[in-house]
Amino acid sequence: MEELKKRAKNQFKDRLVKAVVDVEKGVMAIGGTMHCDEESVLLEKGSNQWNLWGINIYPEKMGEEFIEYDSMINLRPSQENYSRGVDDPQIREKITQIVWNLVDQS
């Protein structure tokens, strides 16, 4: 959590941290200026594009406001995702679980 707060302060004036989650591998990349920055890192490390989803994390918020499912990389008609959000509730749930598993909330 402290790392998220630090990155949010340095990049987006305490508001948010951009992140990309690999729902297959259970990993997340954070800290890029754009979601495509994190996406590139994960692709270089062997992730499959099909499994990568962009989110925004708001470290100063709690509950449902902590994660925002909004990124241009989420536009994928081939996966029946026609918005910048994550339309499939099961994928959103996977993302949420991965984020909370990786973020130390203490």
PDB file of N, CA and C in Angstrom:
ATOM      1  N   MET A   1       0.833  -1.196   0.000  1.00  0.00           N
ATOM      2  CA  MET A   1       0.000   0.000   0.000  1.00  0.00           C
ATOM      3  C   MET A   1       0.874   1.255   0.000  1.00  0.00           C
ATOM      4  N   GLU A   2       1.951   1.202   0.776  1.00  0.00           N
ATOM      5  CA  GLU A   2       2.838   2.380   0.828  1.00  0.00           C
ATOM      6  C   GLU A   2       3.451   2.675  -0.533  1.00  0.00           C
ATOM      7  N   GLU A   3       3.827   1.622  -1.257  1.00  0.00           N
ATOM      8  CA  GLU A   3       4.385   1.810  -2.598  1.00  0.00           C
ATOM      9  C   GLU A   3       3.338   2.430  -3.531  1.00  0.00           C
ATOM     10  N   LEU A   4       2.104   1.998  -3.428  1.00  0.00           N
ATOM     11  CA  LEU A   4       1.036   2.575  -4.250  1.00  0.00           C
ATOM     12  C   LEU A   4       0.850   4.056  -3.936  1.00  0.00           C
ATOM     13  N   LYS A   5       0.834   4.388  -2.663  1.00  0.00           N
ATOM     14  CA  LYS A   5       0.666   5.790  -2.259  1.00  0.00           C
ATOM     15  C   LYS A   5       1.818   6.645  -2.757  1.00  0.00           C
ATOM     16  N   LYS A   6       3.026   6.114  -2.673  1.00  0.00           N
ATOM     17  CA  LYS A   6       4.209   6.845  -3.134  1.00  0.00           C
ATOM     18  C   LYS A   6       4.136   7.090  -4.638  1.00  0.00           C
ATOM     19  N   ARG A   7       3.789   6.056  -5.383  1.00  0.00           N
ATOM     20  CA  ARG A   7       3.703   6.206  -6.844  1.00  0.00           C
ATOM     21  C   ARG A   7       2.567   7.147  -7.247  1.00  0.00           C
ATOM     22  N   ALA A   8       1.464   7.064  -6.544  1.00  0.00           N
ATOM     23  CA  ALA A   8       0.340   7.970  -6.850  1.00  0.00           C
ATOM     24  C   ALA A   8       0.759   9.414  -6.638  1.00  0.00           C
ATOM     25  N   LYS A   9       1.466   9.668  -5.558  1.00  0.00           N
ATOM     26  CA  LYS A   9       1.901  11.036  -5.251  1.00  0.00           C
ATOM     27  C   LYS A   9       2.878  11.546  -6.301  1.00  0.00           C
ATOM     28  N   ASN A  10       3.791  10.691  -6.725  1.00  0.00           N
ATOM     29  CA  ASN A  10       4.812  11.100  -7.687  1.00  0.00           C
ATOM     30  C   ASN A  10       4.283  11.261  -9.105  1.00  0.00           C
ATOM     31  N   GLN A  11       3.239  10.524  -9.459  1.00  0.00           N
ATOM     32  CA  GLN A  11       2.784  10.544 -10.842  1.00  0.00           C
ATOM     33  C   GLN A  11       1.487  11.291 -11.073  1.00  0.00           C
ATOM     34  N   PHE A  12       0.539  11.132 -10.207  1.00  0.00           N
ATOM     35  CA  PHE A  12      -0.785  11.687 -10.477  1.00  0.00           C
ATOM     36  C   PHE A  12      -1.327  12.487  -9.303  1.00  0.00           C
ATOM     37  N   LYS A  13      -0.449  13.158  -8.591  1.00  0.00           N
ATOM     38  CA  LYS A  13      -0.821  14.063  -7.498  1.00  0.00           C
ATOM     39  C   LYS A  13      -1.760  13.420  -6.486  1.00  0.00           C
ATOM     40  N   ASP A  14      -1.353  12.273  -5.955  1.00  0.00           N
ATOM     41  CA  ASP A  14      -2.080  11.556  -4.912  1.00  0.00           C
ATOM     42  C   ASP A  14      -3.363  10.881  -5.380  1.00  0.00           C
ATOM     43  N   ARG A  15      -3.659  10.924  -6.636  1.00  0.00           N
ATOM     44  CA  ARG A  15      -4.944  10.380  -7.054  1.00  0.00           C
ATOM     45  C   ARG A  15      -4.919   8.893  -7.331  1.00  0.00           C
ATOM     46  N   LEU A  16      -4.065   8.457  -8.254  1.00  0.00           N
ATOM     47  CA  LEU A  16      -4.196   7.085  -8.718  1.00  0.00           C
ATOM     48  C   LEU A  16      -2.876   6.500  -9.169  1.00  0.00           C
ATOM     49  N   VAL A  17      -2.887   5.188  -9.326  1.00  0.00           N
ATOM     50  CA  VAL A  17      -1.781   4.441  -9.906  1.00  0.00           C
ATOM     51  C   VAL A  17      -2.374   3.594 -11.022  1.00  0.00           C
ATOM     52  N   LYS A  18      -1.779   3.681 -12.193  1.00  0.00           N
ATOM     53  CA  LYS A  18      -2.219   2.832 -13.292  1.00  0.00           C
ATOM     54  C   LYS A  18      -1.591   1.451 -13.101  1.00  0.00           C
ATOM     55  N   ALA A  19      -2.348   0.421 -13.421  1.00  0.00           N
ATOM     56  CA  ALA A  19      -1.860  -0.947 -13.268  1.00  0.00           C
ATOM     57  C   ALA A  19      -2.443  -1.828 -14.360  1.00  0.00           C
ATOM     58  N   VAL A  20      -1.726  -2.909 -14.645  1.00  0.00           N
ATOM     59  CA  VAL A  20      -2.230  -3.940 -15.547  1.00  0.00           C
ATOM     60  C   VAL A  20      -2.092  -5.271 -14.817  1.00  0.00           C
ATOM     61  N   VAL A  21      -3.176  -6.039 -14.837  1.00  0.00           N
ATOM     62  CA  VAL A  21      -3.243  -7.310 -14.132  1.00  0.00           C
ATOM     63  C   VAL A  21      -3.296  -8.447 -15.146  1.00  0.00           C
ATOM     64  N   ASP A  22      -2.473  -9.471 -14.908  1.00  0.00           N
ATOM     65  CA  ASP A  22      -2.530 -10.701 -15.685  1.00  0.00           C
ATOM     66  C   ASP A  22      -3.394 -11.668 -14.895  1.00  0.00           C
ATOM     67  N   VAL A  23      -4.612 -11.912 -15.376  1.00  0.00           N
ATOM     68  CA  VAL A  23      -5.562 -12.737 -14.627  1.00  0.00           C
ATOM     69  C   VAL A  23      -5.217 -14.228 -14.675  1.00  0.00           C
ATOM     70  N   GLU A  24      -4.341 -14.623 -15.545  1.00  0.00           N
ATOM     71  CA  GLU A  24      -3.909 -16.020 -15.614  1.00  0.00           C
ATOM     72  C   GLU A  24      -2.749 -16.284 -14.654  1.00  0.00           C
ATOM     73  N   LYS A  25      -1.755 -15.397 -14.672  1.00  0.00           N
ATOM     74  CA  LYS A  25      -0.557 -15.581 -13.837  1.00  0.00           C
ATOM     75  C   LYS A  25      -0.714 -15.030 -12.425  1.00  0.00           C
ATOM     76  N   GLY A  26      -1.711 -14.174 -12.223  1.00  0.00           N
ATOM     77  CA  GLY A  26      -1.915 -13.598 -10.898  1.00  0.00           C
ATOM     78  C   GLY A  26      -0.897 -12.547 -10.526  1.00  0.00           C
ATOM     79  N   VAL A  27      -0.389 -11.829 -11.526  1.00  0.00           N
ATOM     80  CA  VAL A  27       0.600 -10.780 -11.289  1.00  0.00           C
ATOM     81  C   VAL A  27       0.058  -9.437 -11.753  1.00  0.00           C
ATOM     82  N   MET A  28       0.739  -8.378 -11.300  1.00  0.00           N
ATOM     83  CA  MET A  28       0.304  -7.024 -11.637  1.00  0.00           C
ATOM     84  C   MET A  28       1.539  -6.157 -11.846  1.00  0.00           C
ATOM     85  N   ALA A  29       1.492  -5.306 -12.862  1.00  0.00           N
ATOM     86  CA  ALA A  29       2.528  -4.299 -13.079  1.00  0.00           C
ATOM     87  C   ALA A  29       1.919  -2.944 -12.759  1.00  0.00           C
ATOM     88  N   ILE A  30       2.689  -2.092 -12.082  1.00  0.00           N
ATOM     89  CA  ILE A  30       2.184  -0.767 -11.698  1.00  0.00           C
ATOM     90  C   ILE A  30       3.191   0.315 -12.069  1.00  0.00           C
ATOM     91  N   GLY A  31       2.706   1.540 -12.096  1.00  0.00           N
ATOM     92  CA  GLY A  31       3.589   2.692 -12.124  1.00  0.00           C
ATOM     93  C   GLY A  31       3.848   3.349 -13.448  1.00  0.00           C
ATOM     94  N   GLY A  32       3.323   2.841 -14.541  1.00  0.00           N
ATOM     95  CA  GLY A  32       3.548   3.487 -15.828  1.00  0.00           C
ATOM     96  C   GLY A  32       2.684   4.729 -15.988  1.00  0.00           C
ATOM     97  N   THR A  33       3.058   5.551 -16.921  1.00  0.00           N
ATOM     98  CA  THR A  33       2.264   6.737 -17.222  1.00  0.00           C
ATOM     99  C   THR A  33       0.979   6.359 -17.947  1.00  0.00           C
ATOM    100  N   MET A  34       1.078   5.303 -18.739  1.00  0.00           N
ATOM    101  CA  MET A  34      -0.079   4.798 -19.477  1.00  0.00           C
ATOM    102  C   MET A  34      -0.168   3.296 -19.245  1.00  0.00           C
ATOM    103  N   HIS A  35      -1.351   2.734 -19.374  1.00  0.00           N
ATOM    104  CA  HIS A  35      -1.521   1.293 -19.174  1.00  0.00           C
ATOM    105  C   HIS A  35      -0.663   0.486 -20.144  1.00  0.00           C
ATOM    106  N   CYS A  36      -0.442   1.022 -21.333  1.00  0.00           N
ATOM    107  CA  CYS A  36       0.367   0.281 -22.309  1.00  0.00           C
ATOM    108  C   CYS A  36       1.805   0.113 -21.830  1.00  0.00           C
ATOM    109  N   ASP A  37       2.281   0.976 -20.919  1.00  0.00           N
ATOM    110  CA  ASP A  37       3.627   0.810 -20.355  1.00  0.00           C
ATOM    111  C   ASP A  37       3.714  -0.479 -19.543  1.00  0.00           C
ATOM    112  N   GLU A  38       2.760  -0.677 -18.650  1.00  0.00           N
ATOM    113  CA  GLU A  38       2.744  -1.897 -17.844  1.00  0.00           C
ATOM    114  C   GLU A  38       2.448  -3.117 -18.710  1.00  0.00           C
ATOM    115  N   GLU A  39       1.553  -2.938 -19.661  1.00  0.00           N
ATOM    116  CA  GLU A  39       1.213  -4.026 -20.573  1.00  0.00           C
ATOM    117  C   GLU A  39       2.472  -4.527 -21.283  1.00  0.00           C
ATOM    118  N   SER A  40       3.303  -3.612 -21.750  1.00  0.00           N
ATOM    119  CA  SER A  40       4.543  -3.982 -22.439  1.00  0.00           C
ATOM    120  C   SER A  40       5.475  -4.779 -21.538  1.00  0.00           C
ATOM    121  N   VAL A  41       5.586  -4.363 -20.281  1.00  0.00           N
ATOM    122  CA  VAL A  41       6.443  -5.071 -19.318  1.00  0.00           C
ATOM    123  C   VAL A  41       5.960  -6.508 -19.145  1.00  0.00           C
ATOM    124  N   LEU A  42       4.658  -6.668 -18.948  1.00  0.00           N
ATOM    125  CA  LEU A  42       4.122  -8.013 -18.741  1.00  0.00           C
ATOM    126  C   LEU A  42       4.253  -8.880 -19.994  1.00  0.00           C
ATOM    127  N   LEU A  43       4.062  -8.296 -21.167  1.00  0.00           N
ATOM    128  CA  LEU A  43       4.231  -9.049 -22.408  1.00  0.00           C
ATOM    129  C   LEU A  43       5.679  -9.503 -22.567  1.00  0.00           C
ATOM    130  N   GLU A  44       6.617  -8.631 -22.218  1.00  0.00           N
ATOM    131  CA  GLU A  44       8.036  -9.000 -22.283  1.00  0.00           C
ATOM    132  C   GLU A  44       8.366 -10.138 -21.327  1.00  0.00           C
ATOM    133  N   LYS A  45       7.608 -10.250 -20.238  1.00  0.00           N
ATOM    134  CA  LYS A  45       7.843 -11.298 -19.249  1.00  0.00           C
ATOM    135  C   LYS A  45       7.030 -12.561 -19.525  1.00  0.00           C
ATOM    136  N   GLY A  46       6.397 -12.607 -20.699  1.00  0.00           N
ATOM    137  CA  GLY A  46       5.728 -13.832 -21.116  1.00  0.00           C
ATOM    138  C   GLY A  46       4.228 -13.882 -20.924  1.00  0.00           C
ATOM    139  N   SER A  47       3.616 -12.791 -20.519  1.00  0.00           N
ATOM    140  CA  SER A  47       2.158 -12.784 -20.393  1.00  0.00           C
ATOM    141  C   SER A  47       1.506 -12.819 -21.763  1.00  0.00           C
ATOM    142  N   ASN A  48       0.295 -13.310 -21.804  1.00  0.00           N
ATOM    143  CA  ASN A  48      -0.498 -13.354 -23.021  1.00  0.00           C
ATOM    144  C   ASN A  48      -1.455 -12.166 -23.014  1.00  0.00           C
ATOM    145  N   GLN A  49      -1.505 -11.443 -24.106  1.00  0.00           N
ATOM    146  CA  GLN A  49      -2.363 -10.255 -24.231  1.00  0.00           C
ATOM    147  C   GLN A  49      -3.801 -10.540 -23.804  1.00  0.00           C
ATOM    148  N   TRP A  50      -4.283 -11.702 -24.104  1.00  0.00           N
ATOM    149  CA  TRP A  50      -5.659 -12.108 -23.808  1.00  0.00           C
ATOM    150  C   TRP A  50      -5.974 -11.967 -22.318  1.00  0.00           C
ATOM    151  N   ASN A  51      -4.960 -12.129 -21.472  1.00  0.00           N
ATOM    152  CA  ASN A  51      -5.148 -12.153 -20.020  1.00  0.00           C
ATOM    153  C   ASN A  51      -4.851 -10.827 -19.321  1.00  0.00           C
ATOM    154  N   LEU A  52      -4.495  -9.793 -20.058  1.00  0.00           N
ATOM    155  CA  LEU A  52      -4.087  -8.523 -19.460  1.00  0.00           C
ATOM    156  C   LEU A  52      -5.231  -7.514 -19.460  1.00  0.00           C
ATOM    157  N   TRP A  53      -5.445  -6.921 -18.284  1.00  0.00           N
ATOM    158  CA  TRP A  53      -6.530  -5.956 -18.116  1.00  0.00           C
ATOM    159  C   TRP A  53      -6.020  -4.739 -17.367  1.00  0.00           C
ATOM    160  N   GLY A  54      -6.381  -3.551 -17.877  1.00  0.00           N
ATOM    161  CA  GLY A  54      -5.941  -2.299 -17.269  1.00  0.00           C
ATOM    162  C   GLY A  54      -6.917  -1.787 -16.229  1.00  0.00           C
ATOM    163  N   ILE A  55      -6.353  -1.296 -15.137  1.00  0.00           N
ATOM    164  CA  ILE A  55      -7.152  -0.723 -14.049  1.00  0.00           C
ATOM    165  C   ILE A  55      -6.452   0.519 -13.505  1.00  0.00           C
ATOM    166  N   ASN A  56      -7.175   1.256 -12.705  1.00  0.00           N
ATOM    167  CA  ASN A  56      -6.608   2.349 -11.921  1.00  0.00           C
ATOM    168  C   ASN A  56      -6.848   2.021 -10.457  1.00  0.00           C
ATOM    169  N   ILE A  57      -5.823   2.254  -9.645  1.00  0.00           N
ATOM    170  CA  ILE A  57      -5.934   2.014  -8.212  1.00  0.00           C
ATOM    171  C   ILE A  57      -5.864   3.367  -7.506  1.00  0.00           C
ATOM    172  N   TYR A  58      -6.804   3.585  -6.601  1.00  0.00           N
ATOM    173  CA  TYR A  58      -6.867   4.816  -5.818  1.00  0.00           C
ATOM    174  C   TYR A  58      -6.483   4.483  -4.376  1.00  0.00           C
ATOM    175  N   PRO A  59      -5.188   4.619  -4.016  1.00  0.00           N
ATOM    176  CA  PRO A  59      -4.713   4.164  -2.708  1.00  0.00           C
ATOM    177  C   PRO A  59      -5.366   4.848  -1.512  1.00  0.00           C
ATOM    178  N   GLU A  60      -5.919   6.016  -1.695  1.00  0.00           N
ATOM    179  CA  GLU A  60      -6.530   6.735  -0.573  1.00  0.00           C
ATOM    180  C   GLU A  60      -8.013   6.404  -0.407  1.00  0.00           C
ATOM    181  N   LYS A  61      -8.539   5.563  -1.290  1.00  0.00           N
ATOM    182  CA  LYS A  61      -9.957   5.201  -1.206  1.00  0.00           C
ATOM    183  C   LYS A  61     -10.101   3.783  -0.690  1.00  0.00           C
ATOM    184  N   MET A  62     -11.294   3.446  -0.276  1.00  0.00           N
ATOM    185  CA  MET A  62     -11.561   2.123   0.278  1.00  0.00           C
ATOM    186  C   MET A  62     -12.695   1.444  -0.493  1.00  0.00           C
ATOM    187  N   GLY A  63     -12.852   0.151  -0.246  1.00  0.00           N
ATOM    188  CA  GLY A  63     -13.973  -0.588  -0.820  1.00  0.00           C
ATOM    189  C   GLY A  63     -13.972  -0.590  -2.331  1.00  0.00           C
ATOM    190  N   GLU A  64     -15.155  -0.461  -2.896  1.00  0.00           N
ATOM    191  CA  GLU A  64     -15.318  -0.527  -4.340  1.00  0.00           C
ATOM    192  C   GLU A  64     -14.651   0.631  -5.078  1.00  0.00           C
ATOM    193  N   GLU A  65     -14.374   1.722  -4.376  1.00  0.00           N
ATOM    194  CA  GLU A  65     -13.727   2.868  -5.010  1.00  0.00           C
ATOM    195  C   GLU A  65     -12.218   2.698  -5.137  1.00  0.00           C
ATOM    196  N   PHE A  66     -11.652   1.668  -4.524  1.00  0.00           N
ATOM    197  CA  PHE A  66     -10.210   1.433  -4.557  1.00  0.00           C
ATOM    198  C   PHE A  66      -9.735   1.069  -5.965  1.00  0.00           C
ATOM    199  N   ILE A  67     -10.534   0.285  -6.702  1.00  0.00           N
ATOM    200  CA  ILE A  67     -10.167  -0.153  -8.053  1.00  0.00           C
ATOM    201  C   ILE A  67     -11.175   0.396  -9.057  1.00  0.00           C
ATOM    202  N   GLU A  68     -10.651   0.991 -10.110  1.00  0.00           N
ATOM    203  CA  GLU A  68     -11.477   1.458 -11.225  1.00  0.00           C
ATOM    204  C   GLU A  68     -11.084   0.643 -12.460  1.00  0.00           C
ATOM    205  N   TYR A  69     -12.045   0.009 -13.071  1.00  0.00           N
ATOM    206  CA  TYR A  69     -11.810  -0.845 -14.235  1.00  0.00           C
ATOM    207  C   TYR A  69     -11.980  -0.006 -15.496  1.00  0.00           C
ATOM    208  N   ASP A  70     -10.930   0.739 -15.853  1.00  0.00           N
ATOM    209  CA  ASP A  70     -11.035   1.671 -16.972  1.00  0.00           C
ATOM    210  C   ASP A  70      -9.682   1.810 -17.658  1.00  0.00           C
ATOM    211  N   SER A  71      -9.602   1.347 -18.900  1.00  0.00           N
ATOM    212  CA  SER A  71      -8.372   1.474 -19.667  1.00  0.00           C
ATOM    213  C   SER A  71      -8.662   1.246 -21.143  1.00  0.00           C
ATOM    214  N   MET A  72      -7.929   1.958 -21.969  1.00  0.00           N
ATOM    215  CA  MET A  72      -8.053   1.756 -23.416  1.00  0.00           C
ATOM    216  C   MET A  72      -7.646   0.335 -23.814  1.00  0.00           C
ATOM    217  N   ILE A  73      -6.730  -0.290 -23.067  1.00  0.00           N
ATOM    218  CA  ILE A  73      -6.300  -1.638 -23.451  1.00  0.00           C
ATOM    219  C   ILE A  73      -7.405  -2.666 -23.246  1.00  0.00           C
ATOM    220  N   ASN A  74      -8.465  -2.277 -22.539  1.00  0.00           N
ATOM    221  CA  ASN A  74      -9.576  -3.199 -22.305  1.00  0.00           C
ATOM    222  C   ASN A  74     -10.552  -3.276 -23.476  1.00  0.00           C
ATOM    223  N   LEU A  75     -10.435  -2.376 -24.408  1.00  0.00           N
ATOM    224  CA  LEU A  75     -11.304  -2.424 -25.598  1.00  0.00           C
ATOM    225  C   LEU A  75     -10.887  -3.617 -26.448  1.00  0.00           C
ATOM    226  N   ARG A  76     -11.678  -4.680 -26.437  1.00  0.00           N
ATOM    227  CA  ARG A  76     -11.352  -5.871 -27.202  1.00  0.00           C
ATOM    228  C   ARG A  76     -12.603  -6.579 -27.693  1.00  0.00           C
ATOM    229  N   PRO A  77     -13.070  -6.169 -28.822  1.00  0.00           N
ATOM    230  CA  PRO A  77     -14.240  -6.823 -29.395  1.00  0.00           C
ATOM    231  C   PRO A  77     -14.053  -8.334 -29.579  1.00  0.00           C
ATOM    232  N   SER A  78     -12.824  -8.782 -29.818  1.00  0.00           N
ATOM    233  CA  SER A  78     -12.582 -10.222 -30.010  1.00  0.00           C
ATOM    234  C   SER A  78     -12.884 -11.020 -28.743  1.00  0.00           C
ATOM    235  N   GLN A  79     -12.883 -10.352 -27.587  1.00  0.00           N
ATOM    236  CA  GLN A  79     -13.231 -10.992 -26.322  1.00  0.00           C
ATOM    237  C   GLN A  79     -14.597 -10.520 -25.815  1.00  0.00           C
ATOM    238  N   GLU A  80     -15.345  -9.908 -26.703  1.00  0.00           N
ATOM    239  CA  GLU A  80     -16.666  -9.374 -26.384  1.00  0.00           C
ATOM    240  C   GLU A  80     -16.635  -8.345 -25.257  1.00  0.00           C
ATOM    241  N   ASN A  81     -15.542  -7.591 -25.185  1.00  0.00           N
ATOM    242  CA  ASN A  81     -15.433  -6.471 -24.239  1.00  0.00           C
ATOM    243  C   ASN A  81     -15.430  -5.204 -25.085  1.00  0.00           C
ATOM    244  N   TYR A  82     -16.565  -4.530 -25.112  1.00  0.00           N
ATOM    245  CA  TYR A  82     -16.763  -3.403 -26.018  1.00  0.00           C
ATOM    246  C   TYR A  82     -16.597  -2.048 -25.349  1.00  0.00           C
ATOM    247  N   SER A  83     -16.100  -2.044 -24.123  1.00  0.00           N
ATOM    248  CA  SER A  83     -15.921  -0.785 -23.411  1.00  0.00           C
ATOM    249  C   SER A  83     -14.510  -0.709 -22.857  1.00  0.00           C
ATOM    250  N   ARG A  84     -14.174   0.438 -22.281  1.00  0.00           N
ATOM    251  CA  ARG A  84     -12.885   0.591 -21.601  1.00  0.00           C
ATOM    252  C   ARG A  84     -12.911  -0.075 -20.235  1.00  0.00           C
ATOM    253  N   GLY A  85     -14.067  -0.485 -19.807  1.00  0.00           N
ATOM    254  CA  GLY A  85     -14.200  -1.185 -18.539  1.00  0.00           C
ATOM    255  C   GLY A  85     -13.904  -2.666 -18.718  1.00  0.00           C
ATOM    256  N   VAL A  86     -14.235  -3.439 -17.714  1.00  0.00           N
ATOM    257  CA  VAL A  86     -14.125  -4.903 -17.797  1.00  0.00           C
ATOM    258  C   VAL A  86     -15.554  -5.404 -17.661  1.00  0.00           C
ATOM    259  N   ASP A  87     -16.132  -5.797 -18.791  1.00  0.00           N
ATOM    260  CA  ASP A  87     -17.555  -6.118 -18.839  1.00  0.00           C
ATOM    261  C   ASP A  87     -17.921  -7.444 -18.154  1.00  0.00           C
ATOM    262  N   ASP A  88     -17.011  -8.398 -18.161  1.00  0.00           N
ATOM    263  CA  ASP A  88     -17.280  -9.721 -17.586  1.00  0.00           C
ATOM    264  C   ASP A  88     -17.094  -9.690 -16.068  1.00  0.00           C
ATOM    265  N   PRO A  89     -18.164  -9.932 -15.305  1.00  0.00           N
ATOM    266  CA  PRO A  89     -18.058  -9.883 -13.838  1.00  0.00           C
ATOM    267  C   PRO A  89     -17.060 -10.898 -13.278  1.00  0.00           C
ATOM    268  N   GLN A  90     -16.889 -12.027 -13.931  1.00  0.00           N
ATOM    269  CA  GLN A  90     -15.928 -13.025 -13.452  1.00  0.00           C
ATOM    270  C   GLN A  90     -14.486 -12.527 -13.592  1.00  0.00           C
ATOM    271  N   ILE A  91     -14.196 -11.837 -14.680  1.00  0.00           N
ATOM    272  CA  ILE A  91     -12.861 -11.271 -14.863  1.00  0.00           C
ATOM    273  C   ILE A  91     -12.637 -10.150 -13.857  1.00  0.00           C
ATOM    274  N   ARG A  92     -13.643  -9.302 -13.647  1.00  0.00           N
ATOM    275  CA  ARG A  92     -13.520  -8.240 -12.630  1.00  0.00           C
ATOM    276  C   ARG A  92     -13.211  -8.841 -11.262  1.00  0.00           C
ATOM    277  N   GLU A  93     -13.886  -9.932 -10.921  1.00  0.00           N
ATOM    278  CA  GLU A  93     -13.660 -10.585  -9.632  1.00  0.00           C
ATOM    279  C   GLU A  93     -12.241 -11.134  -9.542  1.00  0.00           C
ATOM    280  N   LYS A  94     -11.742 -11.736 -10.619  1.00  0.00           N
ATOM    281  CA  LYS A  94     -10.365 -12.227 -10.631  1.00  0.00           C
ATOM    282  C   LYS A  94      -9.389 -11.077 -10.410  1.00  0.00           C
ATOM    283  N   ILE A  95      -9.617  -9.976 -11.105  1.00  0.00           N
ATOM    284  CA  ILE A  95      -8.756  -8.805 -10.952  1.00  0.00           C
ATOM    285  C   ILE A  95      -8.761  -8.330  -9.503  1.00  0.00           C
ATOM    286  N   THR A  96      -9.950  -8.209  -8.935  1.00  0.00           N
ATOM    287  CA  THR A  96     -10.077  -7.747  -7.552  1.00  0.00           C
ATOM    288  C   THR A  96      -9.310  -8.653  -6.603  1.00  0.00           C
ATOM    289  N   GLN A  97      -9.465  -9.952  -6.753  1.00  0.00           N
ATOM    290  CA  GLN A  97      -8.778 -10.902  -5.870  1.00  0.00           C
ATOM    291  C   GLN A  97      -7.261 -10.802  -6.012  1.00  0.00           C
ATOM    292  N   ILE A  98      -6.781 -10.675  -7.231  1.00  0.00           N
ATOM    293  CA  ILE A  98      -5.335 -10.558  -7.455  1.00  0.00           C
ATOM    294  C   ILE A  98      -4.800  -9.290  -6.812  1.00  0.00           C
ATOM    295  N   VAL A  99      -5.487  -8.174  -7.029  1.00  0.00           N
ATOM    296  CA  VAL A  99      -5.029  -6.913  -6.448  1.00  0.00           C
ATOM    297  C   VAL A  99      -4.970  -7.028  -4.934  1.00  0.00           C
ATOM    298  N   TRP A 100      -6.016  -7.515  -4.312  1.00  0.00           N
ATOM    299  CA  TRP A 100      -6.025  -7.595  -2.846  1.00  0.00           C
ATOM    300  C   TRP A 100      -5.029  -8.618  -2.314  1.00  0.00           C
ATOM    301  N   ASN A 101      -4.730  -9.655  -3.091  1.00  0.00           N
ATOM    302  CA  ASN A 101      -3.695 -10.597  -2.687  1.00  0.00           C
ATOM    303  C   ASN A 101      -2.294  -9.978  -2.737  1.00  0.00           C
ATOM    304  N   LEU A 102      -2.102  -9.028  -3.651  1.00  0.00           N
ATOM    305  CA  LEU A 102      -0.775  -8.423  -3.820  1.00  0.00           C
ATOM    306  C   LEU A 102      -0.557  -7.174  -2.978  1.00  0.00           C
ATOM    307  N   VAL A 103      -1.630  -6.518  -2.570  1.00  0.00           N
ATOM    308  CA  VAL A 103      -1.494  -5.246  -1.843  1.00  0.00           C
ATOM    309  C   VAL A 103      -1.542  -5.527  -0.340  1.00  0.00           C
ATOM    310  N   ASP A 104      -0.484  -5.131   0.337  1.00  0.00           N
ATOM    311  CA  ASP A 104      -0.429  -5.241   1.800  1.00  0.00           C
ATOM    312  C   ASP A 104      -1.275  -4.126   2.371  1.00  0.00           C
ATOM    313  N   GLN A 105      -2.344  -4.487   3.041  1.00  0.00           N
ATOM    314  CA  GLN A 105      -3.312  -3.498   3.534  1.00  0.00           C
ATOM    315  C   GLN A 105      -3.032  -3.022   4.937  1.00  0.00           C
ATOM    316  N   SER A 106      -1.889  -3.413   5.502  1.00  0.00           N
ATOM    317  CA  SER A 106      -1.600  -2.999   6.885  1.00  0.00           C
ATOM    318  C   SER A 106      -0.974  -1.629   6.955  1.00  0.00           C
TER     319      SER A 106
END
